């Protein structure tokens, strides 16, 4: 049981690091954005088996960060 708790703690720390990288001011270029999407997808794969609510919350938050950003376009 200790191993599962330790893995969950590592996942929380990893998720927090990826969340910091999801800031648009940090991931500006296309290649950085693609790397972020890969990181979020890897995190989601690892988090899928976790029952820790912190990991689940980070997974949901990170999944929201990689959704396409909508832009308001005004035409005349």
PDB file of N, CA and C in Angstrom:
ATOM      1  N   UNK A   1       0.810  -1.199   0.000  1.00  0.00           N
ATOM      2  CA  UNK A   1       0.000   0.000   0.000  1.00  0.00           C
ATOM      3  C   UNK A   1       0.859   1.272   0.000  1.00  0.00           C
ATOM      4  N   UNK A   2       2.026   1.183   0.661  1.00  0.00           N
ATOM      5  CA  UNK A   2       2.925   2.333   0.692  1.00  0.00           C
ATOM      6  C   UNK A   2       3.394   2.688  -0.711  1.00  0.00           C
ATOM      7  N   UNK A   3       3.611   1.658  -1.537  1.00  0.00           N
ATOM      8  CA  UNK A   3       4.084   1.899  -2.895  1.00  0.00           C
ATOM      9  C   UNK A   3       3.065   2.684  -3.704  1.00  0.00           C
ATOM     10  N   UNK A   4       1.789   2.345  -3.532  1.00  0.00           N
ATOM     11  CA  UNK A   4       0.725   3.037  -4.267  1.00  0.00           C
ATOM     12  C   UNK A   4       0.657   4.493  -3.834  1.00  0.00           C
ATOM     13  N   UNK A   5       0.764   4.743  -2.539  1.00  0.00           N
ATOM     14  CA  UNK A   5       0.736   6.119  -2.033  1.00  0.00           C
ATOM     15  C   UNK A   5       1.935   6.906  -2.552  1.00  0.00           C
ATOM     16  N   UNK A   6       3.090   6.243  -2.628  1.00  0.00           N
ATOM     17  CA  UNK A   6       4.288   6.924  -3.130  1.00  0.00           C
ATOM     18  C   UNK A   6       4.132   7.247  -4.613  1.00  0.00           C
ATOM     19  N   UNK A   7       3.574   6.322  -5.371  1.00  0.00           N
ATOM     20  CA  UNK A   7       3.362   6.575  -6.799  1.00  0.00           C
ATOM     21  C   UNK A   7       2.366   7.707  -6.994  1.00  0.00           C
ATOM     22  N   UNK A   8       1.305   7.722  -6.193  1.00  0.00           N
ATOM     23  CA  UNK A   8       0.336   8.810  -6.290  1.00  0.00           C
ATOM     24  C   UNK A   8       0.981  10.151  -5.976  1.00  0.00           C
ATOM     25  N   UNK A   9       1.868  10.179  -4.999  1.00  0.00           N
ATOM     26  CA  UNK A   9       2.554  11.423  -4.640  1.00  0.00           C
ATOM     27  C   UNK A   9       3.444  11.895  -5.781  1.00  0.00           C
ATOM     28  N   UNK A  10       4.134  10.972  -6.429  1.00  0.00           N
ATOM     29  CA  UNK A  10       4.975  11.321  -7.575  1.00  0.00           C
ATOM     30  C   UNK A  10       4.097  11.838  -8.719  1.00  0.00           C
ATOM     31  N   UNK A  11       2.943  11.210  -8.923  1.00  0.00           N
ATOM     32  CA  UNK A  11       2.024  11.668  -9.974  1.00  0.00           C
ATOM     33  C   UNK A  11       1.519  13.079  -9.690  1.00  0.00           C
ATOM     34  N   UNK A  12       1.246  13.380  -8.436  1.00  0.00           N
ATOM     35  CA  UNK A  12       0.794  14.729  -8.076  1.00  0.00           C
ATOM     36  C   UNK A  12       1.893  15.738  -8.390  1.00  0.00           C
ATOM     37  N   UNK A  13       3.120  15.420  -8.021  1.00  0.00           N
ATOM     38  CA  UNK A  13       4.239  16.332  -8.296  1.00  0.00           C
ATOM     39  C   UNK A  13       4.453  16.502  -9.795  1.00  0.00           C
ATOM     40  N   UNK A  14       4.391  15.403 -10.522  1.00  0.00           N
ATOM     41  CA  UNK A  14       4.549  15.464 -11.976  1.00  0.00           C
ATOM     42  C   UNK A  14       3.427  16.291 -12.609  1.00  0.00           C
ATOM     43  N   UNK A  15       2.202  16.057 -12.170  1.00  0.00           N
ATOM     44  CA  UNK A  15       1.061  16.808 -12.698  1.00  0.00           C
ATOM     45  C   UNK A  15       1.185  18.300 -12.444  1.00  0.00           C
ATOM     46  N   UNK A  16       1.694  18.667 -11.282  1.00  0.00           N
ATOM     47  CA  UNK A  16       1.882  20.080 -10.968  1.00  0.00           C
ATOM     48  C   UNK A  16       2.944  20.708 -11.869  1.00  0.00           C
ATOM     49  N   UNK A  17       3.990  19.944 -12.186  1.00  0.00           N
ATOM     50  CA  UNK A  17       5.019  20.462 -13.096  1.00  0.00           C
ATOM     51  C   UNK A  17       4.458  20.656 -14.502  1.00  0.00           C
ATOM     52  N   UNK A  18       3.697  19.681 -14.972  1.00  0.00           N
ATOM     53  CA  UNK A  18       3.105  19.785 -16.307  1.00  0.00           C
ATOM     54  C   UNK A  18       2.105  20.938 -16.338  1.00  0.00           C
ATOM     55  N   UNK A  19       1.375  21.135 -15.247  1.00  0.00           N
ATOM     56  CA  UNK A  19       0.420  22.239 -15.179  1.00  0.00           C
ATOM     57  C   UNK A  19       1.131  23.585 -15.297  1.00  0.00           C
ATOM     58  N   UNK A  20       2.290  23.712 -14.693  1.00  0.00           N
ATOM     59  CA  UNK A  20       3.071  24.946 -14.831  1.00  0.00           C
ATOM     60  C   UNK A  20       3.480  25.165 -16.282  1.00  0.00           C
ATOM     61  N   UNK A  21       3.830  24.082 -16.960  1.00  0.00           N
ATOM     62  CA  UNK A  21       4.235  24.188 -18.359  1.00  0.00           C
ATOM     63  C   UNK A  21       3.058  24.493 -19.276  1.00  0.00           C
ATOM     64  N   UNK A  22       1.854  24.265 -18.814  1.00  0.00           N
ATOM     65  CA  UNK A  22       0.678  24.503 -19.662  1.00  0.00           C
ATOM     66  C   UNK A  22       0.319  25.976 -19.772  1.00  0.00           C
ATOM     67  N   UNK A  23       0.981  26.818 -19.024  1.00  0.00           N
ATOM     68  CA  UNK A  23       0.749  28.248 -19.098  1.00  0.00           C
ATOM     69  C   UNK A  23       1.094  28.739 -20.509  1.00  0.00           C
ATOM     70  N   UNK A  24       0.183  29.480 -21.162  1.00  0.00           N
ATOM     71  CA  UNK A  24       0.447  29.954 -22.523  1.00  0.00           C
ATOM     72  C   UNK A  24       1.694  30.823 -22.646  1.00  0.00           C
ATOM     73  N   UNK A  25       2.125  31.435 -21.555  1.00  0.00           N
ATOM     74  CA  UNK A  25       3.339  32.250 -21.593  1.00  0.00           C
ATOM     75  C   UNK A  25       4.593  31.380 -21.610  1.00  0.00           C
ATOM     76  N   UNK A  26       4.438  30.130 -21.217  1.00  0.00           N
ATOM     77  CA  UNK A  26       5.579  29.211 -21.192  1.00  0.00           C
ATOM     78  C   UNK A  26       5.651  28.420 -22.491  1.00  0.00           C
ATOM     79  N   UNK A  27       4.527  27.909 -22.941  1.00  0.00           N
ATOM     80  CA  UNK A  27       4.491  27.107 -24.173  1.00  0.00           C
ATOM     81  C   UNK A  27       3.953  27.970 -25.303  1.00  0.00           C
ATOM     82  N   UNK A  28       4.849  28.717 -25.911  1.00  0.00           N
ATOM     83  CA  UNK A  28       4.455  29.674 -26.952  1.00  0.00           C
ATOM     84  C   UNK A  28       4.549  29.086 -28.350  1.00  0.00           C
ATOM     85  N   UNK A  29       5.565  28.300 -28.605  1.00  0.00           N
ATOM     86  CA  UNK A  29       5.793  27.786 -29.954  1.00  0.00           C
ATOM     87  C   UNK A  29       5.005  26.502 -30.199  1.00  0.00           C
ATOM     88  N   UNK A  30       4.838  26.168 -31.462  1.00  0.00           N
ATOM     89  CA  UNK A  30       4.091  24.969 -31.832  1.00  0.00           C
ATOM     90  C   UNK A  30       4.751  23.697 -31.318  1.00  0.00           C
ATOM     91  N   UNK A  31       6.068  23.616 -31.401  1.00  0.00           N
ATOM     92  CA  UNK A  31       6.749  22.408 -30.930  1.00  0.00           C
ATOM     93  C   UNK A  31       6.620  22.258 -29.412  1.00  0.00           C
ATOM     94  N   UNK A  32       6.603  23.368 -28.693  1.00  0.00           N
ATOM     95  CA  UNK A  32       6.399  23.323 -27.249  1.00  0.00           C
ATOM     96  C   UNK A  32       4.979  22.856 -26.928  1.00  0.00           C
ATOM     97  N   UNK A  33       4.044  23.320 -27.711  1.00  0.00           N
ATOM     98  CA  UNK A  33       2.646  22.931 -27.515  1.00  0.00           C
ATOM     99  C   UNK A  33       2.463  21.431 -27.786  1.00  0.00           C
ATOM    100  N   UNK A  34       3.096  20.918 -28.832  1.00  0.00           N
ATOM    101  CA  UNK A  34       3.012  19.479 -29.130  1.00  0.00           C
ATOM    102  C   UNK A  34       3.636  18.662 -27.995  1.00  0.00           C
ATOM    103  N   UNK A  35       4.743  19.138 -27.457  1.00  0.00           N
ATOM    104  CA  UNK A  35       5.383  18.449 -26.336  1.00  0.00           C
ATOM    105  C   UNK A  35       4.476  18.460 -25.106  1.00  0.00           C
ATOM    106  N   UNK A  36       3.792  19.571 -24.884  1.00  0.00           N
ATOM    107  CA  UNK A  36       2.852  19.653 -23.771  1.00  0.00           C
ATOM    108  C   UNK A  36       1.725  18.640 -23.945  1.00  0.00           C
ATOM    109  N   UNK A  37       1.177  18.546 -25.137  1.00  0.00           N
ATOM    110  CA  UNK A  37       0.093  17.592 -25.397  1.00  0.00           C
ATOM    111  C   UNK A  37       0.577  16.166 -25.136  1.00  0.00           C
ATOM    112  N   UNK A  38       1.784  15.843 -25.559  1.00  0.00           N
ATOM    113  CA  UNK A  38       2.339  14.505 -25.292  1.00  0.00           C
ATOM    114  C   UNK A  38       2.479  14.271 -23.790  1.00  0.00           C
ATOM    115  N   UNK A  39       2.962  15.278 -23.070  1.00  0.00           N
ATOM    116  CA  UNK A  39       3.133  15.148 -21.618  1.00  0.00           C
ATOM    117  C   UNK A  39       1.792  14.939 -20.923  1.00  0.00           C
ATOM    118  N   UNK A  40       0.792  15.691 -21.332  1.00  0.00           N
ATOM    119  CA  UNK A  40      -0.539  15.547 -20.735  1.00  0.00           C
ATOM    120  C   UNK A  40      -1.107  14.166 -21.037  1.00  0.00           C
ATOM    121  N   UNK A  41      -0.922  13.696 -22.254  1.00  0.00           N
ATOM    122  CA  UNK A  41      -1.426  12.368 -22.608  1.00  0.00           C
ATOM    123  C   UNK A  41      -0.712  11.271 -21.820  1.00  0.00           C
ATOM    124  N   UNK A  42       0.590  11.400 -21.631  1.00  0.00           N
ATOM    125  CA  UNK A  42       1.329  10.429 -20.819  1.00  0.00           C
ATOM    126  C   UNK A  42       0.852  10.476 -19.368  1.00  0.00           C
ATOM    127  N   UNK A  43       0.650  11.677 -18.854  1.00  0.00           N
ATOM    128  CA  UNK A  43       0.175  11.806 -17.485  1.00  0.00           C
ATOM    129  C   UNK A  43      -1.198  11.155 -17.347  1.00  0.00           C
ATOM    130  N   UNK A  44      -2.078  11.388 -18.307  1.00  0.00           N
ATOM    131  CA  UNK A  44      -3.416  10.809 -18.256  1.00  0.00           C
ATOM    132  C   UNK A  44      -3.369   9.286 -18.258  1.00  0.00           C
ATOM    133  N   UNK A  45      -2.460   8.733 -19.037  1.00  0.00           N
ATOM    134  CA  UNK A  45      -2.322   7.273 -19.076  1.00  0.00           C
ATOM    135  C   UNK A  45      -1.883   6.734 -17.713  1.00  0.00           C
ATOM    136  N   UNK A  46      -0.970   7.427 -17.061  1.00  0.00           N
ATOM    137  CA  UNK A  46      -0.517   7.001 -15.735  1.00  0.00           C
ATOM    138  C   UNK A  46      -1.589   7.238 -14.672  1.00  0.00           C
ATOM    139  N   UNK A  47      -2.322   8.323 -14.806  1.00  0.00           N
ATOM    140  CA  UNK A  47      -3.331   8.690 -13.810  1.00  0.00           C
ATOM    141  C   UNK A  47      -4.591   7.838 -13.905  1.00  0.00           C
ATOM    142  N   UNK A  48      -4.774   7.149 -15.015  1.00  0.00           N
ATOM    143  CA  UNK A  48      -6.004   6.384 -15.225  1.00  0.00           C
ATOM    144  C   UNK A  48      -6.221   5.316 -14.156  1.00  0.00           C
ATOM    145  N   UNK A  49      -5.162   4.798 -13.610  1.00  0.00           N
ATOM    146  CA  UNK A  49      -5.291   3.730 -12.601  1.00  0.00           C
ATOM    147  C   UNK A  49      -5.271   4.247 -11.170  1.00  0.00           C
ATOM    148  N   UNK A  50      -5.026   5.520 -11.008  1.00  0.00           N
ATOM    149  CA  UNK A  50      -4.949   6.091  -9.663  1.00  0.00           C
ATOM    150  C   UNK A  50      -6.343   6.369  -9.121  1.00  0.00           C
ATOM    151  N   UNK A  51      -6.482   6.155  -7.836  1.00  0.00           N
ATOM    152  CA  UNK A  51      -7.744   6.484  -7.166  1.00  0.00           C
ATOM    153  C   UNK A  51      -7.606   7.729  -6.294  1.00  0.00           C
ATOM    154  N   UNK A  52      -6.430   8.326  -6.304  1.00  0.00           N
ATOM    155  CA  UNK A  52      -6.174   9.527  -5.511  1.00  0.00           C
ATOM    156  C   UNK A  52      -6.938  10.694  -6.124  1.00  0.00           C
ATOM    157  N   UNK A  53      -7.776  11.384  -5.335  1.00  0.00           N
ATOM    158  CA  UNK A  53      -8.565  12.497  -5.883  1.00  0.00           C
ATOM    159  C   UNK A  53      -7.700  13.646  -6.408  1.00  0.00           C
ATOM    160  N   UNK A  54      -6.525  13.834  -5.842  1.00  0.00           N
ATOM    161  CA  UNK A  54      -5.633  14.894  -6.335  1.00  0.00           C
ATOM    162  C   UNK A  54      -5.149  14.582  -7.738  1.00  0.00           C
ATOM    163  N   UNK A  55      -4.839  13.319  -7.987  1.00  0.00           N
ATOM    164  CA  UNK A  55      -4.380  12.906  -9.312  1.00  0.00           C
ATOM    165  C   UNK A  55      -5.512  13.045 -10.316  1.00  0.00           C
ATOM    166  N   UNK A  56      -6.707  12.639  -9.911  1.00  0.00           N
ATOM    167  CA  UNK A  56      -7.877  12.748 -10.799  1.00  0.00           C
ATOM    168  C   UNK A  56      -8.178  14.202 -11.149  1.00  0.00           C
ATOM    169  N   UNK A  57      -8.075  15.072 -10.150  1.00  0.00           N
ATOM    170  CA  UNK A  57      -8.333  16.501 -10.388  1.00  0.00           C
ATOM    171  C   UNK A  57      -7.288  17.092 -11.329  1.00  0.00           C
ATOM    172  N   UNK A  58      -6.027  16.755 -11.115  1.00  0.00           N
ATOM    173  CA  UNK A  58      -4.964  17.233 -12.011  1.00  0.00           C
ATOM    174  C   UNK A  58      -5.174  16.711 -13.425  1.00  0.00           C
ATOM    175  N   UNK A  59      -5.592  15.466 -13.539  1.00  0.00           N
ATOM    176  CA  UNK A  59      -5.841  14.883 -14.861  1.00  0.00           C
ATOM    177  C   UNK A  59      -6.928  15.675 -15.594  1.00  0.00           C
ATOM    178  N   UNK A  60      -8.006  15.980 -14.898  1.00  0.00           N
ATOM    179  CA  UNK A  60      -9.096  16.743 -15.519  1.00  0.00           C
ATOM    180  C   UNK A  60      -8.640  18.156 -15.887  1.00  0.00           C
ATOM    181  N   UNK A  61      -7.893  18.791 -15.003  1.00  0.00           N
ATOM    182  CA  UNK A  61      -7.402  20.146 -15.256  1.00  0.00           C
ATOM    183  C   UNK A  61      -6.453  20.164 -16.453  1.00  0.00           C
ATOM    184  N   UNK A  62      -5.540  19.206 -16.495  1.00  0.00           N
ATOM    185  CA  UNK A  62      -4.584  19.152 -17.593  1.00  0.00           C
ATOM    186  C   UNK A  62      -5.270  18.852 -18.920  1.00  0.00           C
ATOM    187  N   UNK A  63      -6.273  18.000 -18.896  1.00  0.00           N
ATOM    188  CA  UNK A  63      -7.007  17.698 -20.127  1.00  0.00           C
ATOM    189  C   UNK A  63      -7.675  18.951 -20.687  1.00  0.00           C
ATOM    190  N   UNK A  64      -8.124  19.822 -19.810  1.00  0.00           N
ATOM    191  CA  UNK A  64      -8.746  21.079 -20.246  1.00  0.00           C
ATOM    192  C   UNK A  64      -7.712  22.012 -20.884  1.00  0.00           C
ATOM    193  N   UNK A  65      -6.473  21.940 -20.428  1.00  0.00           N
ATOM    194  CA  UNK A  65      -5.454  22.871 -20.935  1.00  0.00           C
ATOM    195  C   UNK A  65      -5.061  22.583 -22.376  1.00  0.00           C
ATOM    196  N   UNK A  66      -5.274  21.362 -22.845  1.00  0.00           N
ATOM    197  CA  UNK A  66      -4.840  21.046 -24.213  1.00  0.00           C
ATOM    198  C   UNK A  66      -5.972  21.133 -25.225  1.00  0.00           C
ATOM    199  N   UNK A  67      -7.158  21.483 -24.749  1.00  0.00           N
ATOM    200  CA  UNK A  67      -8.246  21.674 -25.706  1.00  0.00           C
ATOM    201  C   UNK A  67      -7.960  22.918 -26.530  1.00  0.00           C
ATOM    202  N   UNK A  68      -8.367  22.916 -27.785  1.00  0.00           N
ATOM    203  CA  UNK A  68      -8.088  24.082 -28.636  1.00  0.00           C
ATOM    204  C   UNK A  68      -8.681  25.354 -28.037  1.00  0.00           C
ATOM    205  N   UNK A  69      -7.929  26.402 -28.156  1.00  0.00           N
ATOM    206  CA  UNK A  69      -8.405  27.700 -27.671  1.00  0.00           C
ATOM    207  C   UNK A  69      -9.319  28.311 -28.718  1.00  0.00           C
ATOM    208  N   UNK A  70     -10.437  28.789 -28.276  1.00  0.00           N
ATOM    209  CA  UNK A  70     -11.365  29.440 -29.183  1.00  0.00           C
ATOM    210  C   UNK A  70     -10.986  30.909 -29.323  1.00  0.00           C
ATOM    211  N   UNK A  71     -11.120  31.412 -30.522  1.00  0.00           N
ATOM    212  CA  UNK A  71     -10.804  32.817 -30.771  1.00  0.00           C
ATOM    213  C   UNK A  71     -12.046  33.506 -31.300  1.00  0.00           C
ATOM    214  N   UNK A  72     -12.238  34.704 -30.869  1.00  0.00           N
ATOM    215  CA  UNK A  72     -13.346  35.513 -31.355  1.00  0.00           C
ATOM    216  C   UNK A  72     -12.878  36.230 -32.608  1.00  0.00           C
ATOM    217  N   UNK A  73     -13.596  36.015 -33.687  1.00  0.00           N
ATOM    218  CA  UNK A  73     -13.253  36.643 -34.957  1.00  0.00           C
ATOM    219  C   UNK A  73     -14.382  37.586 -35.326  1.00  0.00           C
ATOM    220  N   UNK A  74     -14.011  38.810 -35.580  1.00  0.00           N
ATOM    221  CA  UNK A  74     -14.990  39.819 -35.948  1.00  0.00           C
ATOM    222  C   UNK A  74     -14.820  40.113 -37.431  1.00  0.00           C
ATOM    223  N   UNK A  75     -15.902  40.012 -38.145  1.00  0.00           N
ATOM    224  CA  UNK A  75     -15.811  40.343 -39.578  1.00  0.00           C
ATOM    225  C   UNK A  75     -16.753  41.524 -39.853  1.00  0.00           C
ATOM    226  N   UNK A  76     -16.423  42.254 -40.871  1.00  0.00           N
ATOM    227  CA  UNK A  76     -17.236  43.428 -41.215  1.00  0.00           C
ATOM    228  C   UNK A  76     -17.917  43.210 -42.522  1.00  0.00           C
TER     229      UNK A  76
END
